[in-house]
Every structure is written in C-alpha cells, then in structure tokens.
Amino acid sequence: MVRKIIQIDEEKCNGCGLCAEACHEGAIGMVDGKAKLLRDDYCDGLGDCLPACPAGAITFVEREAAAYDKEAVRQNMRKKEQKQAEALPCGCPGSQSRQIAREAVPEAMRRTPSASQLRQWPVQIKLAPVNAPYFEGAHLLIAADCTAYAYGSFHQDFIRGKVTLIGCPKLDSADYSEKLAEIIRHNDIKSLTVVRMEVPCCGGIEHAAVSALKESGKFIPWQVVTISTDGSILE
C-alpha cells in the first residue's frame, strides 16, 4: 500500500539518538551511529520523531510501505523490555531491592494533614466506566500506581484538578490502550498527563497512553513525566 511514512537523511543525521527515544513504536534504531527506520510496519506515520530531531534529518514521504502493525509493535516492545531486564544481573530493575536514605522530618511537619485531591472513583483503569460523567471536560492523569508512593507531593502536583486513572503495566494482564482510546474518543478530554516510574517495565503505561491518544484520532495537549525510584522528577 502507498502511505505516509518517515524518511531519514543519513547525511544530515548526527547520531544523537533523540528520534529513537521519541519513537514510541520502536520503529527507529541506531545502527552504526546513524538513525535507521528498522521496519515499515512499526512506523505509524504520525511523526513524533520529527520535532525531536535537531538536525532536520527526518521528513515525511509517501511511498509503498507495509501497513502499520499494532500487534507487531506490542510484541517488539515486550521483547525490548525483556532484554533490558535480562541484561541486569538482578533481573528486572523494577524488582531490584534497594534502600533509600531520608533525612528525619520535623515532628510538626509529620503531623500536618494534607487534603486529598482525588476527584472521582474508581481510579483503576480497568474499573473506570468509559462514559463516566467526570470525563467530560477533564484534564486526564494516567499514572503508574507506584508513582504516588515514590513522589511525596503527588496529590498536590499531579492529581489536583485532574481525573486520575492508575494501573501497573507489569502486573495487570489487560491491554490499557484500547480502553484508554475509548475514553479519549468518547469524551471531551482537554489534556493528558502520563506519570511513570523510571524503570523499563513502566514504559508500558506510557506506550499504552500514547497509543490510545493516536487511536482516538484526537489531537490534545499531552506530556510524560518520569519519576525516579528515589522520588525525584527526571528531566
């Protein structure tokens, strides 16, 4: 079939790898220091990689190419996550035991109550009704469940003013992307914020949210925030 797909100019490519990081489908890889389109059927033709390229080496073309294969992309992402886990001596970094040193908090601060900012129930992605009235006009927060425990001011900095949905891509067997796409498609969602942990297995919730946004056919503001295991926001 003839369709829109990216094209990478090797002469302009400076090998920074930013496009490969920006590609949520895993269609771009670094080969011999240059960005390459690994497989046509991994590229959805939406161009998340274009603004990430500082050298202007990526453009759109229309040419004969295999159709975008969502299932092939999912399988590829699972293989990547498995390889990342196997490469570590302790297995999955999300399961690695560690201790985090904290300074003692003054007694007065420990006793200061903090009001919940949660605006709806349920919060689990699997349990939330697709057509719940609170989705209309909502700023949607999709968060990996560990983030609220790792980041101390999660309610104030992320939940406040948003409708919150949580899940764990490693432990939940469900594919979030289809349900999230339905929620975005059938409701007037104003913006989307994804909060994930830095560990590789948490990339599944980011991929599901971004895939859902693409499948919904809507163009709304969105961002991804990554939390480190010690509770910091990573740039």
Protein backbone atom coordinates (compact mmCIF):
# COMPACT_ATOMS: atom_id res chain seq x y z
CA MET A 1 0.00 0.00 0.00
CA VAL A 2 1.07 3.62 -0.55
CA ARG A 3 1.06 5.60 2.68
CA LYS A 4 2.78 8.38 4.61
CA ILE A 5 5.94 7.24 6.37
CA ILE A 6 9.13 8.82 7.71
CA GLN A 7 12.37 9.11 5.78
CA ILE A 8 15.78 9.66 7.44
CA ASP A 9 18.57 11.52 5.64
CA GLU A 10 21.75 9.75 6.78
CA GLU A 11 23.98 12.64 5.70
CA LYS A 12 22.11 15.07 7.95
CA CYS A 13 21.79 12.63 10.88
CA ASN A 14 24.26 13.50 13.66
CA GLY A 15 23.71 10.26 15.58
CA CYS A 16 22.24 11.90 18.71
CA GLY A 17 19.56 9.20 19.08
CA LEU A 18 16.83 11.62 20.18
CA CYS A 19 14.49 10.41 17.45
CA ALA A 20 14.85 6.80 18.61
CA GLU A 21 13.95 7.86 22.15
CA ALA A 22 10.95 9.86 20.90
CA CYS A 23 9.58 6.99 18.79
CA HIS A 24 7.03 5.23 20.99
CA GLU A 25 6.63 2.46 18.43
CA GLY A 26 10.27 1.33 18.37
CA ALA A 27 10.42 1.97 14.62
CA ILE A 28 13.73 3.86 14.78
CA GLY A 29 17.01 2.39 15.97
CA MET A 30 20.66 3.44 15.97
CA VAL A 31 22.77 1.44 13.51
CA ASP A 32 26.48 2.23 13.11
CA GLY A 33 25.93 5.62 14.74
CA LYS A 34 23.05 6.65 12.48
CA ALA A 35 19.27 6.59 12.93
CA LYS A 36 17.52 3.95 10.83
CA LEU A 37 13.89 3.10 10.16
CA LEU A 38 14.01 -0.52 11.32
CA ARG A 39 10.71 -1.73 9.89
CA ASP A 40 7.99 -0.02 7.90
CA ASP A 41 5.20 -1.76 9.82
CA TYR A 42 6.47 -0.28 13.11
CA CYS A 43 6.02 3.30 11.84
CA ASP A 44 2.54 4.75 12.41
CA GLY A 45 3.24 7.79 10.22
CA LEU A 46 2.32 10.33 12.92
CA GLY A 47 5.82 11.75 13.23
CA ASP A 48 6.53 12.01 16.96
CA CYS A 49 10.20 11.78 15.97
CA LEU A 50 10.23 14.86 13.70
CA PRO A 51 10.33 17.61 16.37
CA ALA A 52 12.91 15.60 18.35
CA CYS A 53 15.50 15.72 15.55
CA PRO A 54 17.82 18.75 15.96
CA ALA A 55 19.42 18.20 12.54
CA GLY A 56 16.23 18.21 10.47
CA ALA A 57 17.14 14.79 9.11
CA ILE A 58 13.59 13.34 9.25
CA THR A 59 10.82 14.11 6.80
CA PHE A 60 7.58 12.54 5.61
CA VAL A 61 7.31 10.79 2.26
CA GLU A 62 4.53 8.86 0.57
CA ARG A 63 5.72 5.53 -0.78
CA GLU A 64 4.90 1.84 -0.98
CA ALA A 65 5.17 0.50 2.56
CA ALA A 66 3.74 -2.23 4.75
CA ALA A 67 0.73 -1.17 6.82
CA TYR A 68 1.29 -0.17 10.44
CA ASP A 69 1.04 -3.33 12.56
CA LYS A 70 -0.03 -2.53 16.12
CA GLU A 71 0.37 -6.11 17.34
CA ALA A 72 3.90 -6.38 15.91
CA VAL A 73 4.80 -3.16 17.74
CA ARG A 74 3.46 -4.54 21.03
CA GLN A 75 5.44 -7.74 20.67
CA ASN A 76 8.58 -5.79 19.83
CA MET A 77 8.19 -3.55 22.89
CA ARG A 78 7.72 -6.60 25.11
CA LYS A 79 10.90 -8.16 23.73
CA LYS A 80 12.83 -4.95 24.38
CA GLU A 81 11.65 -4.79 27.98
CA GLN A 82 12.55 -8.45 28.49
CA LYS A 83 16.06 -7.93 27.07
CA GLN A 84 16.59 -4.91 29.32
CA ALA A 85 15.61 -6.99 32.34
CA GLU A 86 17.79 -9.95 31.35
CA ALA A 87 20.79 -7.66 30.83
CA LEU A 88 20.80 -6.75 34.52
CA PRO A 89 22.39 -9.18 36.98
CA CYS A 90 19.47 -8.76 39.38
CA GLY A 91 16.76 -9.18 36.74
CA CYS A 92 14.04 -6.55 36.27
CA PRO A 93 15.17 -3.18 37.73
CA GLY A 94 11.64 -2.59 38.90
CA SER A 95 12.01 -5.59 41.24
CA GLN A 96 15.50 -4.77 42.46
CA SER A 97 15.70 -4.34 46.24
CA ARG A 98 17.24 -1.13 47.49
CA GLN A 99 17.20 1.19 50.48
CA ILE A 100 16.63 4.94 50.19
CA ALA A 101 18.19 7.18 52.82
CA ARG A 102 15.93 10.00 54.05
CA GLU A 103 16.55 12.87 56.43
CA ALA A 104 14.37 12.96 59.51
CA VAL A 105 11.23 15.10 59.11
CA PRO A 106 10.41 17.53 61.96
CA GLU A 107 7.57 16.38 64.20
CA ALA A 108 5.41 19.42 63.31
CA MET A 109 5.62 18.64 59.61
CA ARG A 110 4.78 14.98 60.14
CA ARG A 111 1.53 15.94 61.84
CA THR A 112 0.42 18.50 59.25
CA PRO A 113 -2.54 16.95 57.37
CA SER A 114 -2.66 17.09 53.60
CA ALA A 115 -6.07 17.07 51.92
CA SER A 116 -6.76 14.51 49.22
CA GLN A 117 -7.13 15.95 45.74
CA LEU A 118 -8.84 12.88 44.28
CA ARG A 119 -11.96 13.92 42.37
CA GLN A 120 -13.55 10.61 41.33
CA TRP A 121 -13.86 6.91 41.96
CA PRO A 122 -12.84 4.30 40.84
CA VAL A 123 -9.26 5.09 39.89
CA GLN A 124 -8.16 1.77 38.40
CA ILE A 125 -8.07 1.89 34.59
CA LYS A 126 -9.77 -1.50 34.40
CA LEU A 127 -12.67 -0.40 36.62
CA ALA A 128 -13.40 3.12 35.34
CA PRO A 129 -16.54 3.37 33.15
CA VAL A 130 -15.78 4.65 29.64
CA ASN A 131 -18.67 7.12 29.68
CA ALA A 132 -18.43 8.33 33.29
CA PRO A 133 -19.69 11.94 33.55
CA TYR A 134 -16.49 13.13 35.23
CA PHE A 135 -14.53 12.58 31.99
CA GLU A 136 -16.38 15.43 30.23
CA GLY A 137 -14.07 18.44 30.02
CA ALA A 138 -11.49 16.66 32.16
CA HIS A 139 -7.74 17.03 32.31
CA LEU A 140 -6.78 13.35 32.42
CA LEU A 141 -3.95 11.92 34.53
CA ILE A 142 -2.78 8.39 33.71
CA ALA A 143 -0.32 7.22 36.33
CA ALA A 144 1.64 4.10 37.14
CA ASP A 145 0.49 3.18 40.63
CA CYS A 146 4.00 3.26 42.15
CA THR A 147 4.42 6.94 41.30
CA ALA A 148 2.09 8.10 44.06
CA TYR A 149 4.22 6.27 46.63
CA ALA A 150 7.55 7.42 45.23
CA TYR A 151 6.70 11.12 44.79
CA GLY A 152 5.79 12.84 48.07
CA SER A 153 3.62 15.67 46.71
CA PHE A 154 1.73 13.57 44.20
CA HIS A 155 -1.75 14.82 45.16
CA GLN A 156 -0.81 18.50 45.04
CA ASP A 157 1.43 18.37 41.96
CA PHE A 158 -0.35 15.83 39.77
CA ILE A 159 -3.83 14.79 40.96
CA ARG A 160 -5.11 18.29 41.78
CA GLY A 161 -7.55 19.48 39.11
CA LYS A 162 -7.40 16.22 37.14
CA VAL A 163 -9.32 13.00 36.74
CA THR A 164 -6.96 10.21 37.76
CA LEU A 165 -6.57 6.71 36.33
CA ILE A 166 -3.91 4.31 37.60
CA GLY A 167 -2.52 0.92 36.64
CA CYS A 168 0.57 -1.28 36.56
CA PRO A 169 1.65 -2.44 33.09
CA LYS A 170 3.82 -5.19 34.58
CA LEU A 171 1.30 -6.78 36.94
CA ASP A 172 -2.00 -6.17 35.14
CA SER A 173 -2.79 -8.56 32.31
CA ALA A 174 -5.09 -6.12 30.50
CA ASP A 175 -4.12 -4.03 27.47
CA TYR A 176 -4.83 -0.47 28.61
CA SER A 177 -4.56 1.18 25.20
CA GLU A 178 -7.92 0.05 23.84
CA LYS A 179 -9.92 1.22 26.86
CA LEU A 180 -7.99 4.48 27.15
CA ALA A 181 -8.60 5.13 23.46
CA GLU A 182 -12.33 4.68 24.03
CA ILE A 183 -12.28 7.09 26.98
CA ILE A 184 -10.47 9.76 24.95
CA ARG A 185 -12.57 9.18 21.84
CA HIS A 186 -15.98 9.38 23.55
CA ASN A 187 -15.30 12.22 25.99
CA ASP A 188 -14.17 15.83 25.80
CA ILE A 189 -10.71 15.32 27.31
CA LYS A 190 -8.82 18.63 27.49
CA SER A 191 -5.29 17.35 28.16
CA LEU A 192 -3.39 14.19 29.01
CA THR A 193 -0.60 13.77 31.56
CA VAL A 194 1.23 10.46 31.93
CA VAL A 195 3.29 9.86 35.07
CA ARG A 196 5.53 6.79 35.09
CA MET A 197 8.48 5.40 37.01
CA GLU A 198 11.98 5.35 35.53
CA VAL A 199 12.18 1.53 35.44
CA PRO A 200 11.89 -0.01 31.92
CA CYS A 201 8.80 -2.09 32.66
CA CYS A 202 6.89 1.11 33.44
CA GLY A 203 7.28 2.18 29.81
CA GLY A 204 4.21 0.07 29.12
CA ILE A 205 1.85 2.62 30.63
CA GLU A 206 3.43 5.43 28.60
CA HIS A 207 3.16 3.36 25.43
CA ALA A 208 -0.47 2.47 26.16
CA ALA A 209 -1.41 6.11 26.77
CA VAL A 210 0.35 7.42 23.67
CA SER A 211 -1.10 4.61 21.54
CA ALA A 212 -4.56 5.37 22.90
CA LEU A 213 -4.21 9.03 22.00
CA LYS A 214 -3.23 8.12 18.45
CA GLU A 215 -6.02 5.57 18.10
CA SER A 216 -8.60 8.06 19.36
CA GLY A 217 -7.95 10.32 16.36
CA LYS A 218 -7.90 13.40 18.61
CA PHE A 219 -5.15 15.98 18.98
CA ILE A 220 -4.94 17.21 22.55
CA PRO A 221 -2.01 18.52 24.62
CA TRP A 222 -0.08 15.73 26.35
CA GLN A 223 3.07 15.22 28.37
CA VAL A 224 5.01 12.43 30.06
CA VAL A 225 6.63 12.89 33.49
CA THR A 226 9.12 10.31 34.77
CA ILE A 227 9.70 9.74 38.48
CA SER A 228 12.93 8.21 39.78
CA THR A 229 12.88 5.44 42.38
CA ASP A 230 14.12 7.94 44.98
CA GLY A 231 11.14 10.21 44.33
CA SER A 232 12.61 12.87 42.06
CA ILE A 233 11.21 14.17 38.78
CA LEU A 234 13.59 13.32 35.95
CA GLU A 235 14.10 15.74 33.07
